[in-house]
Amino acid sequence: KDQVLAELWIPEMRQEHQQKQALLEEAKAKVGQANAARQAAQAMIRAAHARREEAQSLLARYEAEIAYRKSEYGRLQRLLSDRAVQKDQVDEKLSQLQAAQAALASAEAAVRTAEANLGVEQAKLAQAESDLTAAQSRVAVAEADLKQTEILLAYGTIKAPYEGMITSRRVDTGAFVQSAATGRTEPLFSFVRTDRLRIVANLPETDAAWVQ
């Protein structure tokens, strides 16, 4: 049982098998590329988070500086009203306050830009994860196609279905074998079991009841 009796050479099936193997390798390579793209997108998100945190830190710094400059400017204005300081000193504090306000506006814009960039990178990560899932699905499909081809190729190896003996061989090495699908149904071998026999004999109808 299961001893190989003949092997059929099916070139178109072998070519298809090689093609399916190549498609599987290509699909696996695309999984690697998609995974690398996802890792790159994750790294870009981490960088975007860092830039946003940096921008938020600068924003907090300039907010604190504005609070300080406003306090200084208000104090010098009161002193100016009491003629305790010169007007140019007040103007200097006003200039410093205005500079801090401009820096704050720039920091706010930087925060908005950083948040927008973070959103873009998150979208890229979602796309990369989608691409990876699609690539993995294509690998599964390619593996299934390859498995189907391997199953079909396995039919080209003819094995003994059970313990027995070849009583007739109708092909030789190198012979062209047609598929039964073409209409030719002549067997390659006659193979019989030797552990069980079927005997055909004539029997009188009157004795049929006694047969076991």
C-alpha atoms as a PDB file:
ATOM      1  CA  LYS A   1       0.000   0.000   0.000  1.00  0.00           C
ATOM      2  CA  ASP A   2       1.155   3.515  -0.971  1.00  0.00           C
ATOM      3  CA  GLN A   3       4.117   2.167  -2.942  1.00  0.00           C
ATOM      4  CA  VAL A   4       4.765   4.363  -5.984  1.00  0.00           C
ATOM      5  CA  LEU A   5       3.742   2.624  -9.197  1.00  0.00           C
ATOM      6  CA  ALA A   6       4.322   5.468 -11.665  1.00  0.00           C
ATOM      7  CA  GLU A   7       5.181   9.144 -11.799  1.00  0.00           C
ATOM      8  CA  LEU A   8       3.618  11.376 -14.426  1.00  0.00           C
ATOM      9  CA  TRP A   9       5.522  14.332 -15.830  1.00  0.00           C
ATOM     10  CA  ILE A  10       3.083  17.229 -16.247  1.00  0.00           C
ATOM     11  CA  PRO A  11       5.158  20.208 -17.465  1.00  0.00           C
ATOM     12  CA  GLU A  12       2.323  22.758 -17.507  1.00  0.00           C
ATOM     13  CA  MET A  13       1.431  21.897 -13.916  1.00  0.00           C
ATOM     14  CA  ARG A  14       5.057  22.154 -12.820  1.00  0.00           C
ATOM     15  CA  GLN A  15       5.349  25.508 -14.549  1.00  0.00           C
ATOM     16  CA  GLU A  16       2.196  26.660 -12.788  1.00  0.00           C
ATOM     17  CA  HIS A  17       3.638  25.414  -9.502  1.00  0.00           C
ATOM     18  CA  GLN A  18       6.801  27.464 -10.041  1.00  0.00           C
ATOM     19  CA  GLN A  19       4.692  30.487 -10.911  1.00  0.00           C
ATOM     20  CA  LYS A  20       2.620  30.072  -7.756  1.00  0.00           C
ATOM     21  CA  GLN A  21       5.814  29.767  -5.709  1.00  0.00           C
ATOM     22  CA  ALA A  22       7.109  32.996  -7.238  1.00  0.00           C
ATOM     23  CA  LEU A  23       3.817  34.748  -6.500  1.00  0.00           C
ATOM     24  CA  LEU A  24       3.992  33.553  -2.905  1.00  0.00           C
ATOM     25  CA  GLU A  25       7.538  34.864  -2.515  1.00  0.00           C
ATOM     26  CA  GLU A  26       6.465  38.175  -4.033  1.00  0.00           C
ATOM     27  CA  ALA A  27       3.528  38.398  -1.638  1.00  0.00           C
ATOM     28  CA  LYS A  28       5.814  37.666   1.319  1.00  0.00           C
ATOM     29  CA  ALA A  29       8.219  40.371   0.145  1.00  0.00           C
ATOM     30  CA  LYS A  30       5.344  42.848   0.016  1.00  0.00           C
ATOM     31  CA  VAL A  31       4.449  41.898   3.584  1.00  0.00           C
ATOM     32  CA  GLY A  32       8.012  42.771   4.579  1.00  0.00           C
ATOM     33  CA  GLN A  33       7.779  46.092   2.754  1.00  0.00           C
ATOM     34  CA  ALA A  34       4.401  46.869   4.327  1.00  0.00           C
ATOM     35  CA  ASN A  35       5.735  45.994   7.772  1.00  0.00           C
ATOM     36  CA  ALA A  36       8.749  48.267   7.226  1.00  0.00           C
ATOM     37  CA  ALA A  37       6.418  51.061   6.113  1.00  0.00           C
ATOM     38  CA  ARG A  38       4.354  50.585   9.257  1.00  0.00           C
ATOM     39  CA  GLN A  39       7.445  50.741  11.458  1.00  0.00           C
ATOM     40  CA  ALA A  40       8.555  53.894   9.646  1.00  0.00           C
ATOM     41  CA  ALA A  41       5.101  55.420  10.176  1.00  0.00           C
ATOM     42  CA  GLN A  42       5.263  54.546  13.869  1.00  0.00           C
ATOM     43  CA  ALA A  43       8.655  56.241  14.113  1.00  0.00           C
ATOM     44  CA  MET A  44       7.272  59.333  12.380  1.00  0.00           C
ATOM     45  CA  ILE A  45       4.379  59.435  14.851  1.00  0.00           C
ATOM     46  CA  ARG A  46       6.805  59.303  17.754  1.00  0.00           C
ATOM     47  CA  ALA A  47       8.755  62.168  16.182  1.00  0.00           C
ATOM     48  CA  ALA A  48       5.527  64.133  15.622  1.00  0.00           C
ATOM     49  CA  HIS A  49       4.577  63.629  19.268  1.00  0.00           C
ATOM     50  CA  ALA A  50       7.990  64.918  20.301  1.00  0.00           C
ATOM     51  CA  ARG A  51       7.638  68.006  18.075  1.00  0.00           C
ATOM     52  CA  ARG A  52       4.191  68.716  19.475  1.00  0.00           C
ATOM     53  CA  GLU A  53       5.436  68.392  23.044  1.00  0.00           C
ATOM     54  CA  GLU A  54       8.320  70.720  22.226  1.00  0.00           C
ATOM     55  CA  ALA A  55       5.930  73.269  20.702  1.00  0.00           C
ATOM     56  CA  GLN A  56       3.610  73.011  23.700  1.00  0.00           C
ATOM     57  CA  SER A  57       6.577  73.528  26.014  1.00  0.00           C
ATOM     58  CA  LEU A  58       7.567  76.692  24.135  1.00  0.00           C
ATOM     59  CA  LEU A  59       3.953  77.847  24.246  1.00  0.00           C
ATOM     60  CA  ALA A  60       3.863  77.458  28.016  1.00  0.00           C
ATOM     61  CA  ARG A  61       7.185  79.285  28.293  1.00  0.00           C
ATOM     62  CA  TYR A  62       5.970  82.270  26.254  1.00  0.00           C
ATOM     63  CA  GLU A  63       2.676  82.377  28.131  1.00  0.00           C
ATOM     64  CA  ALA A  64       4.624  82.641  31.377  1.00  0.00           C
ATOM     65  CA  GLU A  65       6.883  85.283  29.851  1.00  0.00           C
ATOM     66  CA  ILE A  66       3.891  87.359  28.719  1.00  0.00           C
ATOM     67  CA  ALA A  67       2.455  87.219  32.212  1.00  0.00           C
ATOM     68  CA  TYR A  68       5.777  88.481  33.530  1.00  0.00           C
ATOM     69  CA  ARG A  69       6.107  91.204  30.855  1.00  0.00           C
ATOM     70  CA  LYS A  70       2.559  92.418  31.489  1.00  0.00           C
ATOM     71  CA  SER A  71       3.291  92.657  35.180  1.00  0.00           C
ATOM     72  CA  GLU A  72       6.500  94.601  34.540  1.00  0.00           C
ATOM     73  CA  TYR A  73       4.836  96.888  32.038  1.00  0.00           C
ATOM     74  CA  GLY A  74       1.926  97.588  34.394  1.00  0.00           C
ATOM     75  CA  ARG A  75       4.283  98.332  37.286  1.00  0.00           C
ATOM     76  CA  LEU A  76       6.344 100.788  35.232  1.00  0.00           C
ATOM     77  CA  GLN A  77       3.201 102.488  33.969  1.00  0.00           C
ATOM     78  CA  ARG A  78       2.166 103.149  37.554  1.00  0.00           C
ATOM     79  CA  LEU A  79       5.632 104.431  38.351  1.00  0.00           C
ATOM     80  CA  LEU A  80       5.490 106.656  35.274  1.00  0.00           C
ATOM     81  CA  SER A  81       2.232 108.154  36.447  1.00  0.00           C
ATOM     82  CA  ASP A  82       4.012 108.965  39.695  1.00  0.00           C
ATOM     83  CA  ARG A  83       6.963 110.322  37.678  1.00  0.00           C
ATOM     84  CA  ALA A  84       9.243 107.765  39.313  1.00  0.00           C
ATOM     85  CA  VAL A  85      10.662 106.431  36.039  1.00  0.00           C
ATOM     86  CA  GLN A  86      11.399 107.725  32.544  1.00  0.00           C
ATOM     87  CA  LYS A  87       9.007 107.097  29.658  1.00  0.00           C
ATOM     88  CA  ASP A  88      11.684 105.320  27.618  1.00  0.00           C
ATOM     89  CA  GLN A  89      11.857 102.668  30.326  1.00  0.00           C
ATOM     90  CA  VAL A  90       8.126 102.098  29.970  1.00  0.00           C
ATOM     91  CA  ASP A  91       8.482 101.946  26.194  1.00  0.00           C
ATOM     92  CA  GLU A  92      11.215  99.357  26.545  1.00  0.00           C
ATOM     93  CA  LYS A  93       8.964  97.167  28.683  1.00  0.00           C
ATOM     94  CA  LEU A  94       6.166  97.600  26.145  1.00  0.00           C
ATOM     95  CA  SER A  95       8.505  96.476  23.368  1.00  0.00           C
ATOM     96  CA  GLN A  96       9.486  93.428  25.400  1.00  0.00           C
ATOM     97  CA  LEU A  97       5.810  92.624  25.996  1.00  0.00           C
ATOM     98  CA  GLN A  98       5.017  92.950  22.302  1.00  0.00           C
ATOM     99  CA  ALA A  99       7.969  90.714  21.419  1.00  0.00           C
ATOM    100  CA  ALA A 100       6.736  88.103  23.883  1.00  0.00           C
ATOM    101  CA  GLN A 101       3.244  88.304  22.373  1.00  0.00           C
ATOM    102  CA  ALA A 102       4.678  87.773  18.898  1.00  0.00           C
ATOM    103  CA  ALA A 103       6.691  84.807  20.170  1.00  0.00           C
ATOM    104  CA  LEU A 104       3.531  83.419  21.776  1.00  0.00           C
ATOM    105  CA  ALA A 105       1.632  83.712  18.490  1.00  0.00           C
ATOM    106  CA  SER A 106       4.474  81.897  16.733  1.00  0.00           C
ATOM    107  CA  ALA A 107       4.459  79.165  19.390  1.00  0.00           C
ATOM    108  CA  GLU A 108       0.689  78.762  19.027  1.00  0.00           C
ATOM    109  CA  ALA A 109       1.116  78.384  15.268  1.00  0.00           C
ATOM    110  CA  ALA A 110       3.878  75.839  15.863  1.00  0.00           C
ATOM    111  CA  VAL A 111       1.565  73.834  18.132  1.00  0.00           C
ATOM    112  CA  ARG A 112      -1.161  73.844  15.496  1.00  0.00           C
ATOM    113  CA  THR A 113       1.334  72.780  12.852  1.00  0.00           C
ATOM    114  CA  ALA A 114       2.680  70.005  15.071  1.00  0.00           C
ATOM    115  CA  GLU A 115      -0.829  68.730  15.762  1.00  0.00           C
ATOM    116  CA  ALA A 116      -1.649  68.796  12.053  1.00  0.00           C
ATOM    117  CA  ASN A 117       1.550  66.892  11.277  1.00  0.00           C
ATOM    118  CA  LEU A 118       0.680  64.364  13.949  1.00  0.00           C
ATOM    119  CA  GLY A 119      -2.708  63.855  12.328  1.00  0.00           C
ATOM    120  CA  VAL A 120      -1.050  63.307   8.954  1.00  0.00           C
ATOM    121  CA  GLU A 121       1.382  60.769  10.384  1.00  0.00           C
ATOM    122  CA  GLN A 122      -1.446  58.938  12.163  1.00  0.00           C
ATOM    123  CA  ALA A 123      -3.296  58.723   8.856  1.00  0.00           C
ATOM    124  CA  LYS A 124      -0.151  57.342   7.227  1.00  0.00           C
ATOM    125  CA  LEU A 125       0.141  54.746   9.986  1.00  0.00           C
ATOM    126  CA  ALA A 126      -3.483  53.697   9.468  1.00  0.00           C
ATOM    127  CA  GLN A 127      -2.795  53.356   5.745  1.00  0.00           C
ATOM    128  CA  ALA A 128       0.392  51.370   6.430  1.00  0.00           C
ATOM    129  CA  GLU A 129      -1.483  49.005   8.752  1.00  0.00           C
ATOM    130  CA  SER A 130      -4.189  48.580   6.118  1.00  0.00           C
ATOM    131  CA  ASP A 131      -1.541  47.841   3.493  1.00  0.00           C
ATOM    132  CA  LEU A 132       0.063  45.297   5.813  1.00  0.00           C
ATOM    133  CA  THR A 133      -3.261  43.550   6.392  1.00  0.00           C
ATOM    134  CA  ALA A 134      -3.903  43.459   2.658  1.00  0.00           C
ATOM    135  CA  ALA A 135      -0.398  42.094   1.997  1.00  0.00           C
ATOM    136  CA  GLN A 136      -0.892  39.376   4.617  1.00  0.00           C
ATOM    137  CA  SER A 137      -4.200  38.463   2.997  1.00  0.00           C
ATOM    138  CA  ARG A 138      -2.473  38.172  -0.365  1.00  0.00           C
ATOM    139  CA  VAL A 139       0.071  35.821   1.218  1.00  0.00           C
ATOM    140  CA  ALA A 140      -2.760  33.637   2.520  1.00  0.00           C
ATOM    141  CA  VAL A 141      -4.345  33.565  -0.945  1.00  0.00           C
ATOM    142  CA  ALA A 142      -0.996  32.756  -2.594  1.00  0.00           C
ATOM    143  CA  GLU A 143      -0.373  29.946  -0.097  1.00  0.00           C
ATOM    144  CA  ALA A 144      -3.823  28.511  -0.799  1.00  0.00           C
ATOM    145  CA  ASP A 145      -3.214  28.676  -4.570  1.00  0.00           C
ATOM    146  CA  LEU A 146       0.172  26.997  -4.164  1.00  0.00           C
ATOM    147  CA  LYS A 147      -1.346  24.301  -1.965  1.00  0.00           C
ATOM    148  CA  GLN A 148      -4.028  23.625  -4.571  1.00  0.00           C
ATOM    149  CA  THR A 149      -1.373  23.252  -7.270  1.00  0.00           C
ATOM    150  CA  GLU A 150       0.629  20.901  -5.051  1.00  0.00           C
ATOM    151  CA  ILE A 151      -2.463  18.789  -4.485  1.00  0.00           C
ATOM    152  CA  LEU A 152      -3.052  18.561  -8.227  1.00  0.00           C
ATOM    153  CA  LEU A 153       0.614  17.692  -8.813  1.00  0.00           C
ATOM    154  CA  ALA A 154       0.340  14.948  -6.216  1.00  0.00           C
ATOM    155  CA  TYR A 155      -2.173  13.203  -8.489  1.00  0.00           C
ATOM    156  CA  GLY A 156       0.732  12.718 -10.892  1.00  0.00           C
ATOM    157  CA  THR A 157       2.241  10.202  -8.458  1.00  0.00           C
ATOM    158  CA  ILE A 158       0.254   6.997  -8.740  1.00  0.00           C
ATOM    159  CA  LYS A 159       0.441   4.811  -5.651  1.00  0.00           C
ATOM    160  CA  ALA A 160      -0.883   1.406  -4.789  1.00  0.00           C
ATOM    161  CA  PRO A 161      -4.311   1.890  -3.187  1.00  0.00           C
ATOM    162  CA  TYR A 162      -3.962  -1.203  -1.013  1.00  0.00           C
ATOM    163  CA  GLU A 163      -1.806  -4.300  -0.484  1.00  0.00           C
ATOM    164  CA  GLY A 164      -1.843  -6.358  -3.642  1.00  0.00           C
ATOM    165  CA  MET A 165      -0.168  -7.253  -6.914  1.00  0.00           C
ATOM    166  CA  ILE A 166       0.100  -5.805 -10.416  1.00  0.00           C
ATOM    167  CA  THR A 167      -1.391  -8.263 -12.878  1.00  0.00           C
ATOM    168  CA  SER A 168      -1.148  -6.082 -15.973  1.00  0.00           C
ATOM    169  CA  ARG A 169       0.849  -3.012 -16.994  1.00  0.00           C
ATOM    170  CA  ARG A 170      -0.217  -1.134 -20.128  1.00  0.00           C
ATOM    171  CA  VAL A 171       2.430   1.635 -20.145  1.00  0.00           C
ATOM    172  CA  ASP A 172       6.194   1.861 -20.246  1.00  0.00           C
ATOM    173  CA  THR A 173       8.643   4.531 -19.161  1.00  0.00           C
ATOM    174  CA  GLY A 174       8.354   7.558 -21.405  1.00  0.00           C
ATOM    175  CA  ALA A 175       4.881   6.677 -22.690  1.00  0.00           C
ATOM    176  CA  PHE A 176       2.402   9.484 -23.332  1.00  0.00           C
ATOM    177  CA  VAL A 177      -0.576   9.160 -21.021  1.00  0.00           C
ATOM    178  CA  GLN A 178      -3.822  10.890 -21.817  1.00  0.00           C
ATOM    179  CA  SER A 179      -6.130  12.217 -19.174  1.00  0.00           C
ATOM    180  CA  ALA A 180      -9.435  10.461 -18.587  1.00  0.00           C
ATOM    181  CA  ALA A 181     -10.994  13.879 -19.146  1.00  0.00           C
ATOM    182  CA  THR A 182     -10.124  13.547 -22.846  1.00  0.00           C
ATOM    183  CA  GLY A 183     -12.324  10.503 -23.145  1.00  0.00           C
ATOM    184  CA  ARG A 184      -9.661   7.811 -22.881  1.00  0.00           C
ATOM    185  CA  THR A 185     -10.368   5.597 -19.892  1.00  0.00           C
ATOM    186  CA  GLU A 186      -7.890   2.768 -20.434  1.00  0.00           C
ATOM    187  CA  PRO A 187      -6.167   2.037 -17.112  1.00  0.00           C
ATOM    188  CA  LEU A 188      -2.409   2.147 -16.674  1.00  0.00           C
ATOM    189  CA  PHE A 189      -2.342  -0.909 -14.417  1.00  0.00           C
ATOM    190  CA  SER A 190      -4.516  -3.744 -13.312  1.00  0.00           C
ATOM    191  CA  PHE A 191      -4.006  -4.118  -9.610  1.00  0.00           C
ATOM    192  CA  VAL A 192      -5.648  -6.807  -7.484  1.00  0.00           C
ATOM    193  CA  ARG A 193      -5.912  -7.503  -3.820  1.00  0.00           C
ATOM    194  CA  THR A 194      -4.550 -10.825  -2.611  1.00  0.00           C
ATOM    195  CA  ASP A 195      -5.901 -10.788   0.925  1.00  0.00           C
ATOM    196  CA  ARG A 196      -9.531 -10.952  -0.237  1.00  0.00           C
ATOM    197  CA  LEU A 197     -11.003 -12.880  -3.157  1.00  0.00           C
ATOM    198  CA  ARG A 198     -14.297 -12.555  -4.953  1.00  0.00           C
ATOM    199  CA  ILE A 199     -15.496 -15.837  -6.416  1.00  0.00           C
ATOM    200  CA  VAL A 200     -18.153 -15.883  -9.115  1.00  0.00           C
ATOM    201  CA  ALA A 201     -19.886 -19.249  -9.453  1.00  0.00           C
ATOM    202  CA  ASN A 202     -23.156 -20.652 -10.683  1.00  0.00           C
ATOM    203  CA  LEU A 203     -25.535 -21.798  -7.988  1.00  0.00           C
ATOM    204  CA  PRO A 204     -28.888 -23.557  -8.250  1.00  0.00           C
ATOM    205  CA  GLU A 205     -31.731 -21.304  -7.146  1.00  0.00           C
ATOM    206  CA  THR A 206     -32.860 -23.935  -4.650  1.00  0.00           C
ATOM    207  CA  ASP A 207     -29.537 -23.622  -2.793  1.00  0.00           C
ATOM    208  CA  ALA A 208     -29.495 -19.805  -2.705  1.00  0.00           C
ATOM    209  CA  ALA A 209     -31.111 -19.695   0.725  1.00  0.00           C
ATOM    210  CA  TRP A 210     -28.165 -21.620   2.198  1.00  0.00           C
ATOM    211  CA  VAL A 211     -25.457 -19.274   0.975  1.00  0.00           C
ATOM    212  CA  GLN A 212     -23.648 -17.275   3.685  1.00  0.00           C
END
